[in-house]
N, C-alpha and C. Protein backbone atom coordinates (compact mmCIF):
# COMPACT_ATOMS: atom_id res chain seq x y z
N MET A 1 -9.13 -12.16 37.58
CA MET A 1 -7.77 -12.33 37.79
C MET A 1 -7.10 -11.42 36.91
N PRO A 2 -6.00 -10.75 37.41
CA PRO A 2 -5.40 -9.86 36.41
C PRO A 2 -4.46 -10.65 35.51
N SER A 3 -4.28 -10.31 34.30
CA SER A 3 -3.42 -11.03 33.42
C SER A 3 -2.06 -10.37 33.30
N ASN A 4 -1.11 -11.33 32.89
CA ASN A 4 0.25 -10.76 32.84
C ASN A 4 0.58 -10.21 31.42
N ARG A 5 -0.35 -10.35 30.48
CA ARG A 5 -0.12 -9.95 29.20
C ARG A 5 -0.30 -8.37 28.92
N LYS A 6 0.47 -7.86 28.20
CA LYS A 6 0.39 -6.45 27.89
C LYS A 6 -0.71 -6.13 26.93
N ARG A 7 -1.35 -4.99 27.23
CA ARG A 7 -2.34 -4.53 26.40
C ARG A 7 -1.83 -3.84 25.13
N PRO A 8 -2.41 -3.99 23.91
CA PRO A 8 -1.86 -3.29 22.71
C PRO A 8 -2.15 -1.82 22.91
N LYS A 9 -1.36 -1.05 22.28
CA LYS A 9 -1.36 0.38 22.39
C LYS A 9 -2.81 1.06 22.08
N ASN A 10 -3.36 0.60 21.05
CA ASN A 10 -4.67 1.26 20.57
C ASN A 10 -5.86 0.57 21.24
N SER A 11 -5.78 -0.37 22.22
CA SER A 11 -7.10 -1.01 22.68
C SER A 11 -7.49 -0.22 23.87
N PRO A 12 -8.82 -0.22 24.13
CA PRO A 12 -9.37 0.52 25.20
C PRO A 12 -8.96 -0.22 26.62
N PRO A 13 -9.09 0.46 27.68
CA PRO A 13 -8.75 -0.20 29.02
C PRO A 13 -9.77 -1.28 29.30
N PRO A 14 -9.33 -2.34 30.04
CA PRO A 14 -10.34 -3.40 30.44
C PRO A 14 -11.46 -2.83 31.43
N ILE A 15 -12.66 -3.31 31.31
CA ILE A 15 -13.67 -3.02 32.15
C ILE A 15 -13.61 -3.95 33.31
N LEU A 16 -13.59 -3.41 34.47
CA LEU A 16 -13.58 -4.22 35.65
C LEU A 16 -14.83 -4.07 36.34
N LYS A 17 -15.44 -5.27 36.82
CA LYS A 17 -16.69 -5.25 37.50
C LYS A 17 -16.41 -5.51 38.91
N LYS A 18 -17.19 -4.77 39.76
CA LYS A 18 -17.06 -4.98 41.19
C LYS A 18 -17.96 -6.19 41.59
N LYS A 19 -17.35 -6.89 42.51
CA LYS A 19 -18.16 -8.08 43.14
C LYS A 19 -19.21 -7.62 43.91
N LYS A 20 -20.38 -8.28 43.80
CA LYS A 20 -21.58 -7.97 44.58
C LYS A 20 -21.41 -8.51 45.95
N SER A 21 -21.81 -7.74 47.02
CA SER A 21 -21.64 -8.26 48.33
C SER A 21 -22.82 -9.23 48.54
N PRO A 22 -22.63 -10.18 49.35
CA PRO A 22 -23.77 -11.11 49.57
C PRO A 22 -24.96 -10.56 50.27
N SER A 23 -26.03 -10.81 49.89
CA SER A 23 -27.26 -10.28 50.50
C SER A 23 -27.68 -11.15 51.60
N PRO A 24 -28.38 -10.46 52.69
CA PRO A 24 -28.74 -11.38 53.86
C PRO A 24 -29.85 -12.44 53.37
N PRO A 25 -29.93 -13.47 53.94
CA PRO A 25 -30.92 -14.47 53.65
C PRO A 25 -32.26 -13.99 53.86
N ALA A 26 -33.26 -14.35 53.04
CA ALA A 26 -34.61 -13.90 53.08
C ALA A 26 -35.29 -14.68 54.11
N ALA A 27 -36.14 -14.13 54.85
CA ALA A 27 -36.87 -14.85 55.90
C ALA A 27 -37.91 -15.87 55.30
N LYS A 28 -37.94 -17.07 55.70
CA LYS A 28 -38.80 -18.08 55.16
C LYS A 28 -40.26 -17.89 55.87
N PRO A 29 -41.27 -17.93 55.08
CA PRO A 29 -42.64 -17.91 55.61
C PRO A 29 -42.98 -19.11 56.23
N LYS A 30 -43.70 -18.97 57.33
CA LYS A 30 -44.27 -20.09 58.05
C LYS A 30 -45.33 -20.76 57.29
N ILE A 31 -45.25 -22.20 57.27
CA ILE A 31 -46.22 -22.88 56.64
C ILE A 31 -47.00 -23.76 57.58
N ASN A 32 -48.39 -23.60 57.64
CA ASN A 32 -49.14 -24.40 58.59
C ASN A 32 -49.20 -25.81 57.95
N PRO A 33 -48.88 -26.83 58.79
CA PRO A 33 -49.10 -28.16 58.25
C PRO A 33 -50.55 -28.50 58.00
N SER A 34 -50.88 -29.13 56.86
CA SER A 34 -52.23 -29.46 56.55
C SER A 34 -52.41 -30.93 56.28
N PRO A 35 -53.45 -31.58 56.45
CA PRO A 35 -53.57 -32.97 56.18
C PRO A 35 -53.29 -33.27 54.71
N PRO A 36 -52.72 -34.45 54.41
CA PRO A 36 -52.52 -34.73 53.02
C PRO A 36 -53.79 -34.85 52.16
N VAL A 37 -53.61 -34.33 50.95
CA VAL A 37 -54.82 -34.33 50.11
C VAL A 37 -54.78 -35.64 49.27
N SER A 38 -55.96 -36.33 49.16
CA SER A 38 -55.92 -37.55 48.38
C SER A 38 -56.20 -37.12 46.98
N PRO A 39 -55.66 -37.88 46.06
CA PRO A 39 -55.85 -37.69 44.64
C PRO A 39 -57.25 -37.81 44.20
N PRO A 40 -57.70 -37.13 43.16
CA PRO A 40 -59.13 -37.13 42.80
C PRO A 40 -59.52 -38.53 42.30
N SER A 41 -60.68 -39.03 42.42
CA SER A 41 -60.95 -40.30 41.88
C SER A 41 -61.08 -40.15 40.39
N VAL A 42 -60.65 -41.26 39.74
CA VAL A 42 -60.61 -41.30 38.27
C VAL A 42 -61.47 -42.53 37.85
N GLU A 43 -62.26 -42.14 36.81
CA GLU A 43 -63.15 -43.17 36.21
C GLU A 43 -62.68 -43.45 34.90
N ASN A 44 -63.07 -44.44 34.39
CA ASN A 44 -62.74 -44.95 32.96
C ASN A 44 -61.26 -44.92 32.58
N HIS A 45 -60.46 -45.04 33.44
CA HIS A 45 -58.96 -45.39 33.42
C HIS A 45 -58.28 -44.37 32.53
N SER A 46 -58.67 -43.13 32.54
CA SER A 46 -57.95 -42.13 31.89
C SER A 46 -56.75 -41.53 32.60
N PRO A 47 -55.71 -41.20 32.08
CA PRO A 47 -54.63 -40.61 32.87
C PRO A 47 -55.01 -39.33 33.45
N THR A 48 -54.38 -39.04 34.59
CA THR A 48 -54.82 -37.74 35.28
C THR A 48 -53.38 -37.05 35.59
N ARG A 49 -53.51 -35.77 35.88
CA ARG A 49 -52.37 -35.02 36.33
C ARG A 49 -52.35 -34.94 37.83
N SER A 50 -51.24 -35.35 38.40
CA SER A 50 -51.04 -35.31 39.99
C SER A 50 -50.67 -33.90 40.30
N ARG A 51 -50.53 -33.78 41.70
CA ARG A 51 -50.14 -32.43 42.10
C ARG A 51 -48.73 -32.13 41.53
N THR A 52 -47.87 -33.05 41.31
CA THR A 52 -46.38 -32.71 40.84
C THR A 52 -46.38 -32.59 39.37
N ASN A 53 -47.52 -32.36 38.74
CA ASN A 53 -47.54 -32.12 37.32
C ASN A 53 -47.01 -33.19 36.48
N SER A 54 -47.09 -34.37 36.94
CA SER A 54 -46.57 -35.61 36.03
C SER A 54 -47.87 -36.51 35.86
N VAL A 55 -47.73 -37.12 34.64
CA VAL A 55 -48.96 -37.93 34.29
C VAL A 55 -48.90 -39.31 35.07
N THR A 56 -50.02 -39.57 35.67
CA THR A 56 -50.11 -40.91 36.38
C THR A 56 -51.21 -41.66 35.79
N SER A 57 -51.24 -42.87 35.92
CA SER A 57 -52.25 -43.69 35.38
C SER A 57 -52.74 -44.66 36.36
N THR A 58 -54.01 -45.03 36.29
CA THR A 58 -54.69 -45.87 37.24
C THR A 58 -54.50 -47.39 36.78
N ARG A 59 -54.13 -47.67 35.69
CA ARG A 59 -53.91 -48.93 35.09
C ARG A 59 -52.63 -49.64 35.82
N SER A 60 -52.84 -50.91 36.15
CA SER A 60 -51.64 -51.59 36.64
C SER A 60 -51.05 -52.37 35.53
N PHE A 61 -49.66 -52.34 35.50
CA PHE A 61 -49.02 -53.16 34.62
C PHE A 61 -48.20 -54.14 35.35
N SER A 62 -48.14 -55.50 34.86
CA SER A 62 -47.36 -56.52 35.48
C SER A 62 -46.02 -56.39 34.96
N SER A 63 -45.06 -56.72 35.85
CA SER A 63 -43.71 -56.72 35.55
C SER A 63 -43.23 -57.77 34.55
N SER A 64 -43.97 -58.78 34.52
CA SER A 64 -43.59 -59.98 33.64
C SER A 64 -43.94 -59.60 32.19
N SER A 65 -44.92 -58.84 31.93
CA SER A 65 -45.24 -58.43 30.56
C SER A 65 -44.19 -57.50 29.91
N ALA A 66 -43.53 -56.73 30.80
CA ALA A 66 -42.43 -55.87 30.30
C ALA A 66 -41.18 -56.57 29.91
N HIS A 67 -40.88 -57.81 30.42
CA HIS A 67 -39.80 -58.60 30.01
C HIS A 67 -40.16 -59.37 28.69
N SER A 68 -41.37 -59.45 28.29
CA SER A 68 -41.62 -60.35 27.08
C SER A 68 -41.61 -59.57 25.88
N ILE A 69 -41.31 -58.20 25.92
CA ILE A 69 -41.24 -57.48 24.62
C ILE A 69 -39.85 -57.73 24.10
N ILE A 70 -39.88 -58.07 22.84
CA ILE A 70 -38.56 -58.40 22.07
C ILE A 70 -38.55 -57.33 20.97
N ILE A 71 -37.44 -56.60 21.06
CA ILE A 71 -37.24 -55.58 20.05
C ILE A 71 -36.38 -56.19 18.98
N PRO A 72 -36.90 -56.23 17.63
CA PRO A 72 -36.13 -56.91 16.59
C PRO A 72 -34.82 -56.10 16.28
N ALA A 73 -33.81 -56.73 15.81
CA ALA A 73 -32.55 -56.14 15.30
C ALA A 73 -32.81 -55.38 14.04
N PRO A 74 -32.13 -54.20 13.99
CA PRO A 74 -32.47 -53.54 12.67
C PRO A 74 -31.82 -54.32 11.45
N ILE A 75 -32.54 -54.16 10.30
CA ILE A 75 -32.12 -54.94 9.17
C ILE A 75 -31.20 -53.99 8.31
N PRO A 76 -29.89 -54.41 8.04
CA PRO A 76 -28.98 -53.51 7.41
C PRO A 76 -29.48 -53.22 5.94
N PRO A 77 -29.16 -52.13 5.52
CA PRO A 77 -29.43 -51.72 4.05
C PRO A 77 -28.47 -52.41 3.13
N ILE A 78 -28.84 -52.47 1.86
CA ILE A 78 -28.03 -53.00 0.81
C ILE A 78 -27.71 -51.81 -0.12
N PHE A 79 -26.38 -51.65 -0.47
CA PHE A 79 -26.02 -50.53 -1.33
C PHE A 79 -25.49 -51.13 -2.74
N LEU A 80 -25.95 -50.42 -3.67
CA LEU A 80 -25.49 -50.85 -5.12
C LEU A 80 -25.53 -49.74 -6.00
N SER A 81 -24.67 -49.88 -7.08
CA SER A 81 -24.58 -48.62 -7.95
C SER A 81 -25.82 -48.43 -8.89
N GLY A 82 -25.91 -47.19 -9.36
CA GLY A 82 -27.04 -46.81 -10.10
C GLY A 82 -27.21 -47.75 -11.35
N ALA A 83 -26.15 -48.10 -12.04
CA ALA A 83 -26.31 -48.83 -13.25
C ALA A 83 -26.71 -50.33 -12.96
N SER A 84 -26.19 -50.79 -11.83
CA SER A 84 -26.65 -52.06 -11.34
C SER A 84 -28.10 -52.10 -10.96
N TRP A 85 -28.49 -51.17 -10.36
CA TRP A 85 -29.96 -51.05 -9.90
C TRP A 85 -30.90 -50.98 -11.16
N ASN A 86 -30.49 -50.23 -12.17
CA ASN A 86 -31.31 -50.11 -13.42
C ASN A 86 -31.32 -51.50 -14.09
N LYS A 87 -30.33 -52.38 -13.94
CA LYS A 87 -30.44 -53.69 -14.68
C LYS A 87 -31.40 -54.60 -13.98
N VAL A 88 -31.35 -54.60 -12.57
CA VAL A 88 -32.12 -55.58 -11.75
C VAL A 88 -33.37 -55.17 -11.22
N ALA A 89 -33.64 -53.84 -11.30
CA ALA A 89 -34.95 -53.31 -10.54
C ALA A 89 -36.14 -53.94 -11.05
N ASN A 90 -36.45 -53.95 -12.28
CA ASN A 90 -37.78 -54.50 -12.81
C ASN A 90 -38.07 -56.01 -12.34
N LYS A 91 -37.05 -56.89 -12.55
CA LYS A 91 -37.31 -58.26 -12.11
C LYS A 91 -37.33 -58.46 -10.62
N LEU A 92 -36.50 -57.70 -10.02
CA LEU A 92 -36.39 -57.80 -8.56
C LEU A 92 -37.76 -57.28 -7.83
N LEU A 93 -38.18 -56.12 -8.32
CA LEU A 93 -39.42 -55.65 -7.68
C LEU A 93 -40.66 -56.47 -8.11
N SER A 94 -40.60 -57.15 -9.17
CA SER A 94 -41.70 -58.03 -9.54
C SER A 94 -41.75 -59.46 -8.86
N SER A 95 -40.56 -59.83 -8.33
CA SER A 95 -40.46 -61.11 -7.68
C SER A 95 -40.74 -60.95 -6.12
N LEU A 96 -40.84 -59.72 -5.51
CA LEU A 96 -41.05 -59.48 -4.22
C LEU A 96 -42.45 -58.95 -3.93
N PRO A 97 -43.06 -59.14 -2.79
CA PRO A 97 -44.29 -58.61 -2.47
C PRO A 97 -44.32 -57.16 -2.47
N THR A 98 -45.57 -56.52 -2.67
CA THR A 98 -45.60 -54.98 -2.59
C THR A 98 -45.29 -54.50 -1.34
N ASN A 99 -44.65 -53.38 -1.28
CA ASN A 99 -44.20 -52.62 0.07
C ASN A 99 -43.25 -53.55 0.85
N SER A 100 -42.46 -54.34 0.28
CA SER A 100 -41.44 -55.18 1.02
C SER A 100 -40.06 -54.55 0.88
N LEU A 101 -39.88 -53.70 -0.13
CA LEU A 101 -38.59 -53.14 -0.57
C LEU A 101 -38.75 -51.77 -0.82
N GLN A 102 -37.81 -50.97 -0.31
CA GLN A 102 -37.83 -49.49 -0.69
C GLN A 102 -36.37 -49.11 -1.14
N ALA A 103 -36.35 -48.47 -2.25
CA ALA A 103 -35.09 -47.96 -2.81
C ALA A 103 -34.99 -46.54 -2.75
N LYS A 104 -33.86 -46.08 -2.17
CA LYS A 104 -33.60 -44.63 -2.00
C LYS A 104 -32.31 -44.25 -2.81
N VAL A 105 -32.15 -43.07 -3.32
CA VAL A 105 -30.95 -42.63 -3.87
C VAL A 105 -29.98 -42.23 -2.68
N HIS A 106 -28.84 -42.89 -2.69
CA HIS A 106 -27.88 -42.75 -1.55
C HIS A 106 -26.96 -41.60 -1.89
N ASP A 107 -26.14 -41.82 -2.89
CA ASP A 107 -25.22 -40.89 -3.42
C ASP A 107 -25.58 -40.39 -4.79
N SER A 108 -24.78 -39.74 -5.50
CA SER A 108 -25.10 -39.36 -6.89
C SER A 108 -25.23 -40.55 -7.75
N ASN A 109 -24.50 -41.68 -7.50
CA ASN A 109 -24.50 -42.73 -8.35
C ASN A 109 -24.71 -44.11 -7.61
N SER A 110 -25.47 -44.11 -6.46
CA SER A 110 -25.73 -45.32 -5.81
C SER A 110 -27.07 -45.28 -5.24
N PHE A 111 -27.64 -46.55 -4.92
CA PHE A 111 -28.97 -46.65 -4.34
C PHE A 111 -28.81 -47.41 -3.01
N LYS A 112 -29.76 -47.14 -2.13
CA LYS A 112 -29.88 -47.82 -0.80
C LYS A 112 -31.20 -48.59 -0.81
N LEU A 113 -31.15 -49.91 -0.70
CA LEU A 113 -32.31 -50.66 -0.68
C LEU A 113 -32.51 -51.06 0.81
N LEU A 114 -33.78 -50.86 1.24
CA LEU A 114 -34.23 -51.20 2.57
C LEU A 114 -35.34 -52.12 2.54
N CYS A 115 -35.06 -53.25 3.23
CA CYS A 115 -35.95 -54.42 3.26
C CYS A 115 -36.70 -54.18 4.69
N PHE A 116 -37.94 -54.54 4.68
CA PHE A 116 -38.76 -54.37 5.97
C PHE A 116 -38.80 -55.62 6.72
N GLU A 117 -38.39 -56.87 6.16
CA GLU A 117 -38.38 -58.08 6.98
C GLU A 117 -37.07 -58.81 6.63
N GLN A 118 -36.67 -59.60 7.59
CA GLN A 118 -35.42 -60.46 7.49
C GLN A 118 -35.40 -61.30 6.23
N ASP A 119 -36.57 -61.93 6.03
CA ASP A 119 -36.74 -62.90 4.83
C ASP A 119 -36.59 -62.16 3.60
N TYR A 120 -36.94 -61.07 3.50
CA TYR A 120 -36.90 -60.27 2.19
C TYR A 120 -35.33 -59.88 1.80
N ILE A 121 -34.70 -59.62 2.89
CA ILE A 121 -33.32 -59.29 2.75
C ILE A 121 -32.47 -60.42 2.07
N ARG A 122 -32.83 -61.64 2.61
CA ARG A 122 -32.25 -62.86 2.10
C ARG A 122 -32.53 -62.98 0.64
N LEU A 123 -33.82 -62.92 0.24
CA LEU A 123 -34.22 -63.04 -1.12
C LEU A 123 -33.56 -62.07 -2.01
N VAL A 124 -33.39 -60.78 -1.66
CA VAL A 124 -32.79 -59.76 -2.48
C VAL A 124 -31.36 -60.16 -2.56
N GLN A 125 -30.67 -60.62 -1.50
CA GLN A 125 -29.22 -60.96 -1.60
C GLN A 125 -29.05 -62.13 -2.52
N LYS A 126 -29.94 -63.10 -2.38
CA LYS A 126 -29.78 -64.33 -3.38
C LYS A 126 -29.95 -64.01 -4.79
N TYR A 127 -31.00 -62.97 -5.08
CA TYR A 127 -31.21 -62.59 -6.41
C TYR A 127 -30.05 -61.75 -6.91
N LEU A 128 -29.44 -60.89 -6.15
CA LEU A 128 -28.27 -60.10 -6.58
C LEU A 128 -27.07 -61.01 -6.82
N LEU A 129 -26.98 -62.01 -6.06
CA LEU A 129 -25.86 -62.98 -6.33
C LEU A 129 -26.00 -63.86 -7.55
N SER A 130 -27.30 -64.25 -7.78
CA SER A 130 -27.54 -65.03 -8.90
C SER A 130 -27.35 -64.27 -10.26
N THR A 131 -27.60 -62.90 -10.20
CA THR A 131 -27.42 -62.14 -11.45
C THR A 131 -26.01 -61.54 -11.59
N ASN A 132 -25.13 -61.87 -10.62
CA ASN A 132 -23.73 -61.38 -10.49
C ASN A 132 -23.67 -59.85 -10.48
N THR A 133 -24.48 -59.27 -9.61
CA THR A 133 -24.63 -57.78 -9.39
C THR A 133 -23.71 -57.49 -8.23
N GLU A 134 -22.94 -56.57 -8.28
CA GLU A 134 -22.02 -56.14 -7.21
C GLU A 134 -22.90 -55.28 -6.19
N PHE A 135 -22.84 -55.62 -4.90
CA PHE A 135 -23.49 -54.93 -3.88
C PHE A 135 -22.65 -54.96 -2.57
N PHE A 136 -23.15 -54.16 -1.62
CA PHE A 136 -22.46 -54.06 -0.38
C PHE A 136 -23.48 -54.00 0.74
N THR A 137 -23.33 -54.80 1.78
CA THR A 137 -24.28 -54.68 3.00
C THR A 137 -23.46 -55.06 4.27
N HIS A 138 -24.02 -54.74 5.35
CA HIS A 138 -23.42 -55.03 6.68
C HIS A 138 -23.94 -56.40 7.06
N PRO A 139 -23.18 -57.24 7.88
CA PRO A 139 -23.82 -58.42 8.36
C PRO A 139 -25.02 -58.10 9.33
N THR A 140 -25.92 -58.99 9.42
CA THR A 140 -26.96 -58.83 10.52
C THR A 140 -26.52 -59.19 11.83
N SER A 141 -27.12 -58.95 12.86
CA SER A 141 -26.62 -59.14 14.22
C SER A 141 -26.43 -60.72 14.51
N SER A 142 -27.27 -61.39 13.81
CA SER A 142 -27.21 -62.89 13.99
C SER A 142 -25.97 -63.49 13.20
N GLU A 143 -25.50 -62.80 12.19
CA GLU A 143 -24.28 -63.24 11.54
C GLU A 143 -23.01 -62.82 12.10
N ARG A 144 -23.04 -61.80 12.96
CA ARG A 144 -21.72 -61.26 13.59
C ARG A 144 -21.34 -62.09 14.61
N THR A 145 -19.96 -62.25 14.75
CA THR A 145 -19.45 -62.97 15.88
C THR A 145 -19.14 -62.07 17.00
N LEU A 146 -19.06 -62.56 18.21
CA LEU A 146 -18.71 -61.65 19.36
C LEU A 146 -17.39 -62.09 19.74
N LYS A 147 -16.52 -60.95 19.89
CA LYS A 147 -15.16 -61.22 20.28
C LYS A 147 -15.01 -60.65 21.79
N VAL A 148 -14.48 -61.57 22.58
CA VAL A 148 -14.35 -61.25 24.10
C VAL A 148 -12.95 -61.33 24.43
N VAL A 149 -12.50 -60.28 25.15
CA VAL A 149 -11.21 -60.29 25.67
C VAL A 149 -11.32 -60.46 27.25
N ILE A 150 -10.61 -61.45 27.76
CA ILE A 150 -10.63 -61.67 29.16
C ILE A 150 -9.23 -61.36 29.80
N LYS A 151 -9.11 -60.45 30.69
CA LYS A 151 -7.95 -60.15 31.31
C LYS A 151 -7.78 -60.64 32.64
N GLY A 152 -6.63 -60.79 33.13
CA GLY A 152 -6.33 -61.15 34.50
C GLY A 152 -6.42 -62.64 34.76
N LEU A 153 -6.27 -63.50 33.68
CA LEU A 153 -6.25 -64.88 33.99
C LEU A 153 -4.93 -65.29 34.51
N LEU A 154 -4.86 -66.36 35.23
CA LEU A 154 -3.64 -66.87 35.68
C LEU A 154 -2.75 -67.45 34.53
N ALA A 155 -1.51 -67.45 34.70
CA ALA A 155 -0.60 -68.02 33.59
C ALA A 155 -0.79 -69.52 33.24
N ASP A 156 -1.24 -70.23 34.30
CA ASP A 156 -1.34 -71.65 34.21
C ASP A 156 -2.73 -72.03 33.67
N THR A 157 -3.60 -71.12 33.16
CA THR A 157 -4.86 -71.45 32.53
C THR A 157 -4.65 -71.68 31.06
N SER A 158 -5.10 -72.94 30.71
CA SER A 158 -4.74 -73.15 29.28
C SER A 158 -6.00 -72.89 28.42
N ASP A 159 -5.70 -72.68 27.04
CA ASP A 159 -6.74 -72.29 26.07
C ASP A 159 -7.89 -73.37 26.04
N SER A 160 -7.56 -74.54 26.12
CA SER A 160 -8.55 -75.69 26.08
C SER A 160 -9.49 -75.76 27.34
N GLU A 161 -8.88 -75.34 28.45
CA GLU A 161 -9.70 -75.29 29.70
C GLU A 161 -10.62 -74.13 29.61
N LEU A 162 -10.24 -72.91 29.15
CA LEU A 162 -11.10 -71.86 28.91
C LEU A 162 -12.15 -72.17 27.97
N GLU A 163 -11.87 -72.85 26.85
CA GLU A 163 -12.76 -73.11 25.89
C GLU A 163 -13.89 -74.07 26.37
N SER A 164 -13.43 -75.17 27.20
CA SER A 164 -14.44 -76.00 27.73
C SER A 164 -15.33 -75.31 28.75
N TYR A 165 -14.79 -74.47 29.49
CA TYR A 165 -15.56 -73.62 30.51
C TYR A 165 -16.67 -72.85 29.81
N LEU A 166 -16.28 -72.15 28.68
CA LEU A 166 -17.30 -71.37 28.05
C LEU A 166 -18.34 -72.16 27.32
N LYS A 167 -17.94 -73.41 26.85
CA LYS A 167 -18.95 -74.24 26.20
C LYS A 167 -19.99 -74.78 27.20
N GLU A 168 -19.44 -74.94 28.55
CA GLU A 168 -20.35 -75.34 29.59
C GLU A 168 -21.36 -74.38 29.99
N LYS A 169 -20.98 -73.03 29.81
CA LYS A 169 -21.90 -71.93 30.10
C LYS A 169 -22.79 -71.63 28.93
N GLY A 170 -22.71 -72.27 27.81
CA GLY A 170 -23.68 -72.20 26.65
C GLY A 170 -23.20 -71.37 25.51
N TYR A 171 -21.97 -70.98 25.48
CA TYR A 171 -21.46 -70.12 24.36
C TYR A 171 -20.87 -70.95 23.27
N ASP A 172 -21.05 -70.51 22.02
CA ASP A 172 -20.54 -71.23 20.88
C ASP A 172 -19.17 -70.65 20.75
N VAL A 173 -18.13 -71.39 20.91
CA VAL A 173 -16.71 -70.84 20.94
C VAL A 173 -16.19 -71.32 19.52
N LEU A 174 -15.62 -70.34 18.76
CA LEU A 174 -15.02 -70.52 17.52
C LEU A 174 -13.53 -70.57 17.62
N ASN A 175 -12.92 -69.75 18.46
CA ASN A 175 -11.50 -69.63 18.57
C ASN A 175 -11.14 -69.06 19.92
N VAL A 176 -10.05 -69.68 20.51
CA VAL A 176 -9.58 -69.07 21.79
C VAL A 176 -8.07 -68.84 21.54
N ARG A 177 -7.58 -67.56 21.85
CA ARG A 177 -6.21 -67.25 21.60
C ARG A 177 -5.64 -66.48 22.80
N GLN A 178 -4.37 -66.75 22.97
CA GLN A 178 -3.69 -66.08 24.09
C GLN A 178 -2.85 -64.92 23.43
N PHE A 179 -2.99 -63.69 23.92
CA PHE A 179 -2.35 -62.57 23.52
C PHE A 179 -1.27 -62.12 24.61
N GLY A 180 -0.20 -61.42 24.20
CA GLY A 180 0.64 -60.89 25.11
C GLY A 180 1.78 -61.78 25.58
N ASN A 181 2.33 -61.61 26.79
CA ASN A 181 3.38 -62.28 27.31
C ASN A 181 3.01 -63.72 27.73
N SER A 182 3.87 -64.71 27.49
CA SER A 182 3.43 -66.02 27.80
C SER A 182 3.37 -66.33 29.29
N THR A 183 4.20 -65.53 30.21
CA THR A 183 4.14 -65.75 31.58
C THR A 183 3.02 -64.90 32.26
N LYS A 184 2.44 -63.86 31.62
CA LYS A 184 1.46 -63.19 32.24
C LYS A 184 0.37 -62.93 31.19
N LYS A 185 -0.84 -63.35 31.61
CA LYS A 185 -1.96 -63.12 30.67
C LYS A 185 -2.74 -61.92 30.94
């Protein structure tokens, strides 16, 4: 597309390329239909390469076993200053089992403590609280509350009615609030 902008005086002229004309379609070679080829027999349950170059396996997996896998929630790290870590490190590491806690330098003057099990993070937090050591951590997924916004409710739906309905469905309800216009929810 030509532009409406003027070219500076010292610049070279633009290079215009010609459009290529479409070439005629190539003739398709005729393919003789052949009977389907069965995959090679596999012994000792090792994975094989199929004709489509993807890995296939001869082992069968039940769908019920796939649903029983539980992925644990990540354990949040604990952050504390370098001076605080120097005060509590010796006693804290001696009170925990070996390889249950990992301390890494986070910033120039802070440490990041990584616990490998949920029980150990509770022990570390209790110890830091008992020694009045300042630290910061994120709440675990079990400690977080879930906030839900429901739009499109009728104006005559009361908060207590909604709360009782959610409790019937098995949710632990802490608070129900109505936002916005009182005539329109």
